[in-house]
Protein backbone atom coordinates (compact mmCIF):
# COMPACT_ATOMS: atom_id res chain seq x y z
CA MET A 1 -19.12 -13.22 -99.88
CA LYS A 2 -22.46 -11.92 -100.82
CA ASN A 3 -23.89 -10.58 -97.59
CA ILE A 4 -21.20 -10.13 -94.96
CA ASN A 5 -18.15 -7.93 -94.76
CA PHE A 6 -15.56 -9.90 -92.81
CA PRO A 7 -13.07 -12.69 -93.55
CA GLY A 8 -14.72 -16.07 -93.33
CA LYS A 9 -16.62 -18.59 -95.36
CA ALA A 10 -20.02 -18.56 -93.66
CA ARG A 11 -23.24 -17.29 -95.15
CA CYS A 12 -25.81 -16.00 -92.70
CA PHE A 13 -29.22 -14.53 -92.02
CA MET A 14 -31.00 -13.32 -88.91
CA ILE A 15 -34.43 -14.04 -87.44
CA GLN A 16 -36.04 -11.08 -85.69
CA GLY A 17 -39.52 -10.77 -84.23
CA THR A 18 -42.17 -8.10 -84.07
CA THR A 19 -42.50 -8.94 -80.36
CA SER A 20 -40.99 -11.17 -77.72
CA SER A 21 -42.17 -14.78 -78.09
CA ALA A 22 -43.14 -14.22 -81.73
CA GLY A 23 -41.38 -17.45 -82.67
CA LYS A 24 -37.76 -16.35 -83.22
CA SER A 25 -36.25 -19.24 -81.27
CA ALA A 26 -38.50 -21.84 -82.88
CA LEU A 27 -37.88 -20.56 -86.40
CA THR A 28 -34.13 -20.37 -85.81
CA THR A 29 -34.14 -23.91 -84.43
CA GLY A 30 -36.16 -25.18 -87.37
CA PHE A 31 -33.89 -23.54 -89.95
CA LEU A 32 -30.82 -24.97 -88.22
CA ARG A 33 -32.21 -28.50 -88.27
CA TYR A 34 -33.31 -28.10 -91.90
CA PHE A 35 -29.99 -26.79 -93.25
CA SER A 36 -27.92 -29.14 -91.08
CA THR A 37 -29.89 -32.08 -92.42
CA GLU A 38 -29.19 -30.73 -95.92
CA GLY A 39 -25.47 -31.03 -95.20
CA TYR A 40 -24.53 -27.47 -94.22
CA ASN A 41 -22.16 -27.03 -91.29
CA SER A 42 -24.47 -24.69 -89.39
CA SER A 43 -24.33 -22.75 -86.14
CA PRO A 44 -26.66 -20.55 -84.12
CA PHE A 45 -25.62 -17.15 -82.80
CA LYS A 46 -27.30 -14.71 -80.44
CA SER A 47 -25.09 -11.81 -79.47
CA GLN A 48 -27.13 -10.92 -76.39
CA ASN A 49 -29.72 -13.01 -74.61
CA MET A 50 -31.73 -12.24 -71.49
CA SER A 51 -32.73 -15.43 -69.72
CA LEU A 52 -32.57 -17.19 -66.37
CA ASN A 53 -32.24 -20.57 -68.09
CA SER A 54 -28.59 -21.26 -68.78
CA PHE A 55 -26.44 -24.16 -69.87
CA VAL A 56 -22.82 -25.14 -69.22
CA THR A 57 -20.67 -26.15 -72.18
CA ASP A 58 -18.38 -29.16 -72.01
CA ASP A 59 -15.42 -26.88 -71.28
CA GLY A 60 -17.17 -25.05 -68.45
CA PHE A 61 -18.66 -21.88 -69.98
CA GLU A 62 -22.16 -20.59 -69.24
CA ILE A 63 -24.48 -19.68 -72.12
CA ALA A 64 -28.22 -19.31 -72.63
CA ALA A 65 -30.12 -22.60 -72.74
CA SER A 66 -31.93 -21.63 -75.94
CA GLN A 67 -28.65 -21.44 -77.89
CA ALA A 68 -27.68 -24.83 -76.48
CA VAL A 69 -30.97 -26.18 -77.84
CA GLN A 70 -30.28 -24.63 -81.24
CA SER A 71 -26.81 -26.21 -81.34
CA GLU A 72 -28.37 -29.54 -80.55
CA ALA A 73 -30.80 -29.06 -83.43
CA ALA A 74 -27.77 -28.47 -85.66
CA PHE A 75 -26.21 -31.75 -84.41
CA LYS A 76 -23.49 -29.89 -82.51
CA ASN A 77 -22.20 -29.60 -78.97
CA PRO A 78 -22.79 -26.05 -77.68
CA ILE A 79 -19.77 -23.75 -77.46
CA ARG A 80 -19.43 -20.42 -75.70
CA GLN A 81 -19.06 -18.38 -78.91
CA ILE A 82 -22.72 -18.87 -79.88
CA ASN A 83 -23.89 -16.59 -77.04
CA PRO A 84 -21.19 -14.13 -75.97
CA ILE A 85 -23.45 -12.03 -73.69
CA LEU A 86 -26.01 -13.47 -71.29
CA ILE A 87 -28.05 -11.18 -69.05
CA LYS A 88 -29.66 -12.81 -66.02
CA PRO A 89 -32.00 -10.25 -64.43
CA SER A 90 -31.81 -10.09 -60.65
CA SER A 91 -34.38 -7.27 -60.30
CA ASP A 92 -36.20 -4.72 -62.45
CA TYR A 93 -33.04 -2.62 -62.58
CA ASN A 94 -30.07 -4.94 -62.07
CA MET A 95 -28.51 -7.92 -63.81
CA HIS A 96 -26.10 -10.75 -63.26
CA LEU A 97 -23.91 -10.51 -66.34
CA ILE A 98 -22.16 -13.35 -68.16
CA VAL A 99 -19.63 -12.38 -70.86
CA GLU A 100 -17.97 -15.03 -73.02
CA GLY A 101 -19.22 -17.70 -70.68
CA LYS A 102 -17.84 -16.23 -67.46
CA PHE A 103 -19.35 -14.15 -64.66
CA HIS A 104 -18.65 -10.48 -65.44
CA GLY A 105 -20.25 -9.03 -62.33
CA ASN A 106 -23.50 -7.44 -61.24
CA MET A 107 -24.55 -4.31 -63.08
CA ASP A 108 -27.54 -2.05 -63.60
CA PHE A 109 -28.97 -1.58 -67.07
CA ASN A 110 -27.81 2.04 -67.39
CA ASN A 111 -24.19 1.12 -66.82
CA TYR A 112 -24.54 -1.82 -69.17
CA ASN A 113 -25.76 0.45 -71.97
CA LYS A 114 -22.86 2.84 -71.37
CA LYS A 115 -20.45 0.01 -72.18
CA LYS A 116 -22.03 -0.82 -75.52
CA ASN A 117 -18.76 -0.51 -77.44
CA TYR A 118 -17.06 -3.09 -75.25
CA PHE A 119 -19.91 -5.59 -75.52
CA ILE A 120 -20.33 -5.17 -79.26
CA LYS A 121 -16.59 -5.80 -79.64
CA LYS A 122 -17.02 -9.09 -77.81
CA ALA A 123 -20.05 -9.98 -79.93
CA LYS A 124 -18.12 -9.31 -83.14
CA GLU A 125 -15.11 -11.37 -82.08
CA ASN A 126 -17.25 -14.40 -81.34
CA PHE A 127 -19.38 -14.03 -84.45
CA GLU A 128 -16.31 -13.82 -86.66
CA PHE A 129 -14.89 -16.92 -85.01
CA LEU A 130 -18.04 -18.80 -86.01
CA ALA A 131 -17.89 -17.36 -89.52
CA ARG A 132 -14.44 -18.85 -90.04
CA ASN A 133 -15.55 -22.28 -88.90
CA ASN A 134 -19.04 -22.80 -90.38
CA ASP A 135 -20.84 -22.79 -93.69
CA LEU A 136 -23.92 -21.09 -92.31
CA ILE A 137 -24.77 -18.99 -89.25
CA ILE A 138 -28.39 -18.37 -88.33
CA LEU A 139 -28.66 -15.47 -85.93
CA GLU A 140 -31.51 -14.83 -83.53
CA GLY A 141 -32.48 -11.33 -82.48
CA ALA A 142 -33.76 -10.34 -79.05
CA GLY A 143 -37.21 -8.97 -78.24
CA SER A 144 -38.28 -6.52 -80.94
CA PRO A 145 -36.03 -4.45 -83.23
CA ALA A 146 -38.48 -1.53 -83.06
CA GLU A 147 -37.76 -0.42 -79.49
CA ILE A 148 -37.07 3.16 -80.56
CA ASN A 149 -35.83 4.15 -77.09
CA LEU A 150 -33.04 1.58 -77.37
CA PHE A 151 -31.86 2.11 -80.94
CA LYS A 152 -28.52 3.64 -79.97
CA PHE A 153 -27.81 0.78 -77.55
CA ASP A 154 -28.84 -2.06 -79.87
CA ILE A 155 -26.32 -4.87 -80.20
CA ALA A 156 -28.77 -7.75 -80.65
CA ASN A 157 -31.02 -6.80 -83.56
CA MET A 158 -30.60 -4.31 -86.41
CA GLY A 159 -27.62 -2.70 -84.71
CA PHE A 160 -25.68 -5.93 -85.12
CA ALA A 161 -27.15 -6.84 -88.52
CA GLU A 162 -26.01 -3.46 -89.88
CA LEU A 163 -22.36 -4.19 -89.02
CA TYR A 164 -22.17 -6.99 -91.57
CA GLY A 165 -25.11 -6.29 -93.85
CA ILE A 166 -26.89 -9.38 -92.56
CA PRO A 167 -30.27 -10.08 -94.22
CA VAL A 168 -33.17 -10.26 -91.79
CA ILE A 169 -36.36 -12.31 -91.69
CA LEU A 170 -39.12 -10.74 -89.58
CA VAL A 171 -41.49 -13.15 -87.83
CA ALA A 172 -44.88 -12.18 -86.37
CA ASP A 173 -47.21 -14.24 -84.18
CA ILE A 174 -50.78 -14.13 -85.52
CA GLU A 175 -52.16 -15.61 -82.28
CA ARG A 176 -51.44 -12.33 -80.52
CA GLY A 177 -53.75 -10.47 -82.86
CA GLY A 178 -52.95 -7.44 -85.01
CA VAL A 179 -50.40 -9.33 -87.07
CA PHE A 180 -50.47 -6.93 -90.01
CA ALA A 181 -50.22 -3.89 -87.77
CA SER A 182 -47.26 -5.42 -85.95
CA ILE A 183 -45.43 -6.16 -89.20
CA PHE A 184 -46.17 -2.75 -90.72
CA GLY A 185 -45.44 -0.83 -87.51
CA THR A 186 -42.18 -2.66 -86.84
CA VAL A 187 -40.82 -1.98 -90.32
CA LYS A 188 -41.95 1.65 -90.43
CA LEU A 189 -40.41 2.46 -87.06
CA LEU A 190 -36.99 1.41 -88.29
CA PRO A 191 -34.55 3.86 -89.91
CA LEU A 192 -34.33 3.38 -93.66
CA LYS A 193 -30.81 1.93 -93.44
CA TRP A 194 -32.15 -0.86 -91.23
CA ARG A 195 -35.40 -1.28 -93.12
CA LYS A 196 -33.41 -2.26 -96.21
CA LEU A 197 -32.02 -5.29 -94.38
CA ILE A 198 -35.45 -6.91 -94.00
CA LYS A 199 -35.75 -9.35 -96.89
CA GLY A 200 -39.05 -10.97 -95.97
CA PHE A 201 -41.56 -11.69 -93.24
CA VAL A 202 -43.09 -14.87 -91.86
CA ILE A 203 -46.48 -15.21 -90.16
CA ASN A 204 -46.36 -17.75 -87.37
CA LYS A 205 -48.97 -19.93 -85.60
CA PHE A 206 -51.73 -19.55 -88.18
CA ARG A 207 -55.01 -21.45 -87.81
CA GLY A 208 -57.78 -21.37 -90.35
CA ASN A 209 -58.31 -20.75 -94.05
CA LEU A 210 -55.27 -19.25 -95.76
CA GLU A 211 -57.45 -17.76 -98.49
CA ILE A 212 -58.93 -15.39 -95.91
CA LEU A 213 -55.44 -14.25 -94.88
CA ASN A 214 -54.02 -13.80 -98.39
CA PRO A 215 -55.57 -10.37 -99.17
CA GLY A 216 -53.91 -8.93 -96.07
CA ILE A 217 -50.58 -10.49 -97.00
CA LYS A 218 -50.75 -8.99 -100.48
CA SER A 219 -51.58 -5.56 -99.06
CA ILE A 220 -48.63 -5.64 -96.65
CA GLU A 221 -46.30 -6.84 -99.41
CA SER A 222 -47.44 -3.96 -101.58
CA MET A 223 -47.16 -1.32 -98.87
CA LEU A 224 -43.75 -2.42 -97.57
CA LYS A 225 -42.26 -3.85 -100.76
CA ILE A 226 -41.19 -6.86 -98.69
CA PRO A 227 -42.29 -10.41 -99.61
CA CYS A 228 -44.04 -12.88 -97.38
CA LEU A 229 -41.71 -15.86 -97.11
CA GLY A 230 -44.38 -18.15 -95.71
CA VAL A 231 -47.15 -18.79 -93.22
CA ILE A 232 -46.32 -21.36 -90.56
CA PRO A 233 -49.40 -23.13 -89.17
CA TYR A 234 -49.98 -23.54 -85.47
CA ILE A 235 -48.11 -26.70 -84.47
CA LYS A 236 -50.07 -28.50 -81.78
CA ASN A 237 -48.05 -29.76 -78.81
CA LEU A 238 -44.79 -28.37 -80.17
CA HIS A 239 -42.16 -28.55 -77.45
CA LEU A 240 -39.03 -26.44 -77.23
CA GLU A 241 -37.31 -25.66 -73.96
CA ALA A 242 -38.46 -22.22 -72.84
CA GLU A 243 -36.16 -19.34 -71.92
CA ASP A 244 -38.86 -17.15 -70.35
CA SER A 245 -40.69 -18.03 -67.12
CA LEU A 246 -43.91 -16.70 -68.67
CA ASN A 247 -44.02 -20.00 -70.53
CA LEU A 248 -44.53 -21.83 -67.25
CA ILE A 249 -48.22 -20.96 -67.39
CA ASN A 250 -48.59 -23.98 -69.68
CA HIS A 251 -47.43 -26.26 -66.87
CA SER A 252 -48.95 -24.54 -63.85
CA GLY A 253 -51.85 -25.00 -61.52
CA ASN A 254 -53.15 -23.64 -58.25
CA GLY A 255 -53.80 -26.91 -56.48
CA GLY A 256 -57.12 -28.35 -55.48
CA SER A 257 -57.19 -31.14 -58.05
CA ASN A 258 -59.24 -34.27 -57.47
CA ASN A 259 -56.33 -36.68 -57.78
CA SER A 260 -56.46 -39.21 -54.99
CA ALA A 261 -53.35 -40.07 -53.01
CA LYS A 262 -53.38 -43.51 -54.62
CA SER A 263 -53.91 -42.34 -58.20
CA CYS A 264 -51.91 -44.10 -60.86
CA LYS A 265 -49.61 -41.21 -61.67
CA LEU A 266 -47.05 -39.84 -59.26
CA ARG A 267 -47.90 -36.22 -58.49
CA VAL A 268 -44.88 -33.90 -58.56
CA GLY A 269 -45.18 -30.21 -57.71
CA ILE A 270 -42.37 -27.85 -58.74
CA VAL A 271 -42.25 -24.65 -56.69
CA HIS A 272 -42.53 -21.62 -58.99
CA LEU A 273 -40.14 -19.28 -57.19
CA ASP A 274 -40.14 -15.56 -57.95
CA HIS A 275 -36.59 -15.78 -59.36
CA ILE A 276 -36.81 -19.34 -60.67
CA SER A 277 -33.96 -20.36 -62.98
CA ASN A 278 -33.08 -23.38 -65.10
CA PHE A 279 -36.70 -24.55 -64.96
CA ASN A 280 -36.26 -26.18 -68.36
CA GLU A 281 -34.48 -29.06 -66.60
CA PHE A 282 -37.88 -30.35 -65.48
CA ASP A 283 -39.22 -30.76 -69.01
CA PRO A 284 -38.45 -34.52 -69.02
CA LEU A 285 -41.00 -34.96 -66.21
CA PHE A 286 -43.80 -33.72 -68.47
CA PHE A 287 -43.09 -36.47 -71.00
CA ASP A 288 -43.06 -39.38 -68.58
CA ASP A 289 -46.29 -41.40 -68.45
CA ARG A 290 -45.70 -42.26 -64.81
CA ILE A 291 -45.62 -38.66 -63.61
CA ASP A 292 -48.15 -35.84 -63.33
CA ALA A 293 -45.94 -32.76 -62.89
CA ARG A 294 -46.83 -29.08 -62.64
CA PHE A 295 -45.48 -25.81 -61.32
CA PHE A 296 -47.30 -24.14 -58.44
CA LYS A 297 -46.96 -20.73 -56.77
CA GLU A 298 -49.05 -21.03 -53.62
CA ALA A 299 -49.90 -23.63 -51.00
CA PRO A 300 -52.60 -26.00 -52.31
CA ASP A 301 -55.80 -26.58 -50.36
CA ARG A 302 -54.77 -30.09 -49.38
CA PRO A 303 -51.39 -30.65 -47.70
CA ASN A 304 -51.03 -34.03 -49.46
CA GLU A 305 -51.81 -32.62 -52.90
CA PHE A 306 -48.44 -33.90 -54.15
CA ASP A 307 -46.35 -37.01 -53.64
CA MET A 308 -43.20 -34.97 -54.12
CA ILE A 309 -42.28 -31.31 -54.30
CA ILE A 310 -39.13 -29.94 -55.92
CA ILE A 311 -37.56 -26.64 -54.86
CA PRO A 312 -35.70 -25.54 -58.01
CA GLY A 313 -32.81 -23.23 -58.70
CA THR A 314 -33.19 -19.49 -58.23
CA LYS A 315 -31.28 -16.36 -59.15
CA SER A 316 -31.82 -15.02 -55.61
CA THR A 317 -32.12 -17.66 -52.90
CA ILE A 318 -32.51 -15.28 -49.96
CA SER A 319 -35.06 -13.07 -51.71
CA ASP A 320 -37.19 -16.09 -52.60
CA ILE A 321 -37.06 -17.46 -49.05
CA LEU A 322 -38.16 -14.11 -47.62
CA SER A 323 -40.95 -13.89 -50.19
CA MET A 324 -42.23 -17.36 -49.27
CA LYS A 325 -42.17 -16.49 -45.58
CA LYS A 326 -44.38 -13.46 -46.18
CA THR A 327 -47.05 -15.53 -47.93
CA GLY A 328 -47.02 -18.62 -45.70
CA PHE A 329 -45.73 -20.74 -48.57
CA PHE A 330 -42.57 -21.39 -46.55
CA ASP A 331 -44.58 -23.06 -43.76
CA TYR A 332 -46.38 -25.30 -46.24
CA ILE A 333 -43.09 -26.57 -47.68
CA LYS A 334 -41.54 -27.03 -44.24
CA ASP A 335 -44.53 -29.10 -43.15
CA PHE A 336 -44.61 -31.16 -46.33
CA GLU A 337 -42.06 -33.71 -45.12
CA LYS A 338 -44.94 -35.31 -43.22
CA TYR A 339 -46.64 -36.15 -46.49
CA GLY A 340 -44.11 -36.71 -49.25
CA VAL A 341 -40.64 -36.46 -50.73
CA ILE A 342 -38.80 -33.12 -50.96
CA MET A 343 -35.97 -32.42 -53.37
CA GLY A 344 -33.90 -29.24 -53.59
CA ILE A 345 -31.70 -28.37 -56.57
CA CYS A 346 -29.00 -25.69 -56.44
CA GLY A 347 -30.73 -22.70 -54.77
CA GLY A 348 -33.43 -25.09 -53.60
CA PHE A 349 -30.72 -27.25 -52.05
CA GLN A 350 -29.33 -24.20 -50.25
CA MET A 351 -32.81 -23.47 -48.88
CA MET A 352 -33.00 -26.98 -47.41
CA GLY A 353 -30.21 -26.06 -44.98
CA LYS A 354 -30.17 -23.98 -41.84
CA ARG A 355 -28.85 -20.70 -43.16
CA ILE A 356 -27.82 -18.84 -46.31
CA THR A 357 -25.40 -15.91 -46.04
CA ASP A 358 -24.70 -13.41 -48.83
CA PRO A 359 -21.99 -11.15 -47.34
CA PHE A 360 -21.07 -9.51 -50.66
CA HIS A 361 -24.71 -9.06 -51.76
CA ILE A 362 -24.11 -11.08 -54.91
CA GLU A 363 -27.76 -12.14 -55.13
CA SER A 364 -29.67 -10.07 -52.59
CA LYS A 365 -29.59 -6.88 -50.55
CA THR A 366 -30.37 -9.01 -47.50
CA ALA A 367 -27.27 -10.65 -46.08
CA VAL A 368 -28.68 -13.58 -44.08
CA ALA A 369 -31.78 -15.77 -44.08
CA ASP A 370 -32.74 -18.98 -42.30
CA GLY A 371 -33.64 -21.97 -44.43
CA PHE A 372 -35.94 -24.95 -43.89
CA SER A 373 -33.38 -26.83 -41.72
CA PHE A 374 -34.08 -30.14 -43.42
CA PHE A 375 -30.30 -30.71 -43.41
CA ASN A 376 -27.58 -29.49 -41.06
CA ILE A 377 -25.86 -27.45 -43.76
CA GLU A 378 -25.06 -23.77 -44.30
CA THR A 379 -24.31 -21.83 -47.46
CA ILE A 380 -22.20 -18.75 -48.12
CA ILE A 381 -22.67 -16.91 -51.42
CA LYS A 382 -19.21 -16.06 -52.76
CA ASN A 383 -17.85 -13.97 -55.62
CA GLU A 384 -16.30 -16.92 -57.39
CA LYS A 385 -18.80 -18.83 -59.50
CA LYS A 386 -18.61 -22.60 -59.90
CA VAL A 387 -19.47 -23.61 -63.46
CA LEU A 388 -19.09 -27.27 -64.44
CA ASN A 389 -20.40 -29.75 -66.97
CA ARG A 390 -19.34 -33.32 -66.25
CA LYS A 391 -20.29 -36.90 -65.57
CA TYR A 392 -21.10 -38.03 -62.05
CA LEU A 393 -21.20 -41.37 -60.35
CA PHE A 394 -24.68 -41.70 -58.88
CA ASN A 395 -24.54 -43.73 -55.68
CA PRO A 396 -27.99 -44.13 -54.11
CA LYS A 397 -27.96 -45.75 -50.68
CA ASN A 398 -28.96 -49.43 -50.67
CA GLY A 399 -28.86 -49.48 -54.45
CA PRO A 400 -26.38 -50.16 -57.23
CA HIS A 401 -23.35 -47.89 -57.04
CA GLY A 402 -21.53 -46.24 -59.86
CA TRP A 403 -24.36 -45.36 -62.23
CA VAL A 404 -23.03 -42.62 -64.52
CA VAL A 405 -25.24 -39.56 -65.02
CA ASN A 406 -24.71 -36.28 -66.86
CA GLY A 407 -25.26 -32.93 -65.17
CA TYR A 408 -23.98 -29.42 -64.74
CA GLU A 409 -23.44 -26.94 -61.91
CA ILE A 410 -23.85 -23.14 -61.88
CA HIS A 411 -23.65 -21.56 -58.43
CA ASN A 412 -21.93 -18.90 -56.37
CA GLY A 413 -22.87 -20.67 -53.16
CA ARG A 414 -20.49 -22.85 -51.18
CA THR A 415 -22.25 -25.32 -48.89
CA PHE A 416 -20.77 -27.06 -45.87
CA PHE A 417 -21.98 -29.05 -42.89
CA GLY A 418 -23.08 -27.00 -39.88
CA GLU A 419 -21.94 -27.08 -36.30
CA GLY A 420 -22.78 -30.33 -34.55
CA TYR A 421 -23.03 -32.33 -37.79
CA SER A 422 -22.93 -36.03 -37.01
CA GLY A 423 -24.07 -37.62 -40.24
CA GLU A 424 -26.32 -40.07 -38.41
CA ASN A 425 -29.53 -39.35 -40.32
CA ILE A 426 -28.22 -38.66 -43.79
CA TYR A 427 -26.28 -40.34 -46.57
CA THR A 428 -23.66 -38.17 -48.28
CA GLY A 429 -21.78 -38.78 -51.49
CA LEU A 430 -24.96 -39.23 -53.50
CA PHE A 431 -23.08 -37.83 -56.49
CA GLU A 432 -19.35 -37.88 -57.03
CA PRO A 433 -17.43 -36.59 -60.04
CA ALA A 434 -16.67 -39.55 -62.26
CA GLU A 435 -13.10 -38.43 -62.91
CA THR A 436 -11.77 -36.29 -60.04
CA LEU A 437 -13.34 -37.30 -56.77
CA ASP A 438 -14.14 -34.61 -54.21
CA SER A 439 -13.99 -35.35 -50.51
CA PRO A 440 -16.62 -38.03 -49.74
CA SER A 441 -17.80 -35.98 -46.76
CA SER A 442 -18.47 -32.86 -48.84
CA ALA A 443 -22.01 -31.51 -48.48
CA GLU A 444 -21.85 -30.40 -52.11
CA ASN A 445 -21.71 -34.00 -53.33
CA GLY A 446 -25.40 -34.38 -52.63
CA ILE A 447 -27.39 -35.51 -49.61
CA LEU A 448 -30.06 -38.16 -49.17
CA SER A 449 -31.86 -38.54 -45.85
CA LYS A 450 -31.97 -42.00 -44.33
CA ASP A 451 -35.72 -42.22 -44.82
CA LYS A 452 -35.20 -41.17 -48.48
CA LYS A 453 -37.75 -38.39 -48.08
CA LYS A 454 -35.28 -35.56 -48.63
CA ILE A 455 -32.81 -35.15 -51.50
CA GLY A 456 -30.44 -32.23 -52.01
CA THR A 457 -27.96 -31.53 -54.79
CA TYR A 458 -26.27 -28.74 -56.74
CA ILE A 459 -26.50 -30.68 -59.99
CA HIS A 460 -28.83 -29.48 -62.75
CA GLY A 461 -30.11 -31.64 -65.59
CA LEU A 462 -30.51 -34.86 -63.61
CA PHE A 463 -34.01 -35.65 -64.87
CA GLY A 464 -32.60 -35.95 -68.38
CA ASN A 465 -30.96 -39.17 -67.11
CA GLU A 466 -33.39 -42.09 -67.12
CA THR A 467 -31.42 -43.75 -64.33
CA PHE A 468 -31.96 -40.86 -61.95
CA LYS A 469 -35.59 -40.39 -62.95
CA ASP A 470 -36.27 -44.08 -62.29
CA PHE A 471 -34.65 -43.72 -58.89
CA VAL A 472 -36.92 -40.80 -57.99
CA VAL A 473 -39.97 -42.71 -59.20
CA ASP A 474 -39.04 -45.63 -56.92
CA VAL A 475 -38.46 -43.30 -53.95
CA ILE A 476 -41.86 -41.69 -54.40
CA ARG A 477 -43.57 -45.04 -54.77
CA GLU A 478 -41.85 -46.42 -51.68
CA ASN A 479 -42.97 -43.41 -49.68
CA ARG A 480 -46.54 -43.80 -50.95
CA GLY A 481 -46.53 -47.42 -49.90
CA ASP A 482 -47.29 -48.78 -53.35
CA SER A 483 -46.99 -52.52 -52.97
CA MET A 484 -46.38 -53.61 -56.55
CA GLY A 485 -43.24 -52.90 -58.47
CA TYR A 486 -43.70 -50.27 -61.13
CA ASN A 487 -43.30 -51.33 -64.74
CA ARG A 488 -40.64 -48.94 -65.95
CA LYS A 489 -41.41 -49.75 -69.57
CA THR A 490 -44.67 -47.79 -69.35
CA ASN A 491 -42.86 -44.44 -69.33
CA SER A 492 -42.62 -42.34 -72.47
CA CYS A 493 -39.70 -42.43 -74.87
CA SER A 494 -36.50 -40.79 -73.76
CA TYR A 495 -36.42 -37.02 -73.54
CA ASP A 496 -33.67 -36.89 -76.17
CA ALA A 497 -36.05 -38.62 -78.56
CA VAL A 498 -38.78 -36.10 -77.68
CA LYS A 499 -36.50 -33.17 -78.47
CA ASN A 500 -35.29 -34.61 -81.76
CA ARG A 501 -38.83 -35.36 -82.85
CA ASN A 502 -39.73 -31.70 -82.32
CA TYR A 503 -36.62 -30.42 -84.12
CA ASP A 504 -37.59 -32.58 -87.08
CA LEU A 505 -41.17 -31.32 -86.90
CA LEU A 506 -39.97 -27.72 -87.12
CA SER A 507 -37.69 -28.61 -90.02
CA GLU A 508 -40.57 -30.27 -91.87
CA ASN A 509 -42.70 -27.15 -91.47
CA ILE A 510 -39.85 -24.95 -92.68
CA SER A 511 -39.49 -27.14 -95.77
CA LYS A 512 -43.23 -27.19 -96.45
CA TYR A 513 -44.30 -23.62 -95.75
CA ILE A 514 -41.23 -21.38 -96.24
CA ASN A 515 -39.90 -20.20 -99.60
CA ILE A 516 -36.49 -21.79 -99.12
CA ASP A 517 -35.23 -20.77 -102.57
CA LEU A 518 -35.80 -17.10 -101.76
CA VAL A 519 -34.05 -17.48 -98.39
CA LYS A 520 -31.07 -19.12 -100.07
CA ASP A 521 -30.96 -16.37 -102.67
CA PHE A 522 -30.80 -13.36 -100.34
CA ALA A 523 -28.46 -15.18 -97.92
CA GLY A 524 -26.12 -16.23 -100.71
CA ILE A 525 -26.40 -19.91 -99.80
């Protein structure tokens, strides 16, 4: 093998960025779609990812959502080996750690760094597994490789690339400004042994006349003795599922819009919690012509600003409830049932109950908090984590039974009916596992209020199912009092089609603007 020093057939290269959000994920995804389309058996790999958006593999392992997306771009089902270490921050100092797809415990960053040898061993084992079973591995780095304070702890960038002599492509985002300084500074901050691994750089998100940029490119090439592999233009309306909540700014608003209650589109507000997680599951709503969806962080001026609000998943249910109570946001949500439909997913579902208890402080330093009391349920946060990816039978009340939907669960909470539960005002069994049926009275199987104005479930990914999305559209319309049946054919194409269109768009840009022959040469492809 030309560029790696372990048994296995795979060739590989790594994408690193001068900064976070420079375009590493997009470039990795584009390369994977390009080479997979060319016939290479390709796989992504990211030794360490920090994200609150996760995904559950078919066999029940938790990985970062961005690596699941990259597998999809490579026409593969995600497996746990593509992301052996997932860090889910729970505060500025602490993390919820996932190792090889399973909960490893809560840890602070200092203790994590002290165990570098253990984690790098795990990263190597999983990488070498992929190398034995693929033609090509495209690795993605994390953040910036030039964090000089973290060099000795690095297992995600140059520290990992050095282990196998992996060639590196450095990508820089020109929209951020100072693109040449960021490229030059990143390279020069690296030790010489790492600098030698950088085989080229890519400038991302360029707008304008390339002739104006070329003199700067030539100067940087001359100073660093590293070639420019290409300049990727800004791709308008490019959509990839985000792993960082900073990306939510593109789908956010502060309320006060002029939409009337009877406007054509159904107005859905998604609560932007402080510790929001798995927010990528709402992406299908933004591509549906029937729906006007946005995230919001504070109570809008008008109580009927939305037809429906969704309380999403969170890494810390109790902390987010307490935060909302301090700002008055809690009261707005509690009062909203007068105006529209409320749905809670995972942590949001837990909030819809009477009480959440965290006796082992898995998620929060606070042990108990009262919820919205929309349902007579209580939740206890336990050490054992439930991680599932499966098919469910979707059984809406007064509708067809047995629709099959795909979804996944990731939660430490266990939810049960509270004292005095009678079941008179709710319908349970909204979702049941398609293969092994849980108890039909289980609160965790999903709850729908009799008036259909409140929905609660632990299942993520439901809006990727057209059947469920159509159901929600009908529920909202019924609550609004819309008299005419909605033409379901007016909605956009399926979300799967949206994703594939964007993977192909990235691949086309890779083919057009990147020096593929040079990439193949230094990667030994």
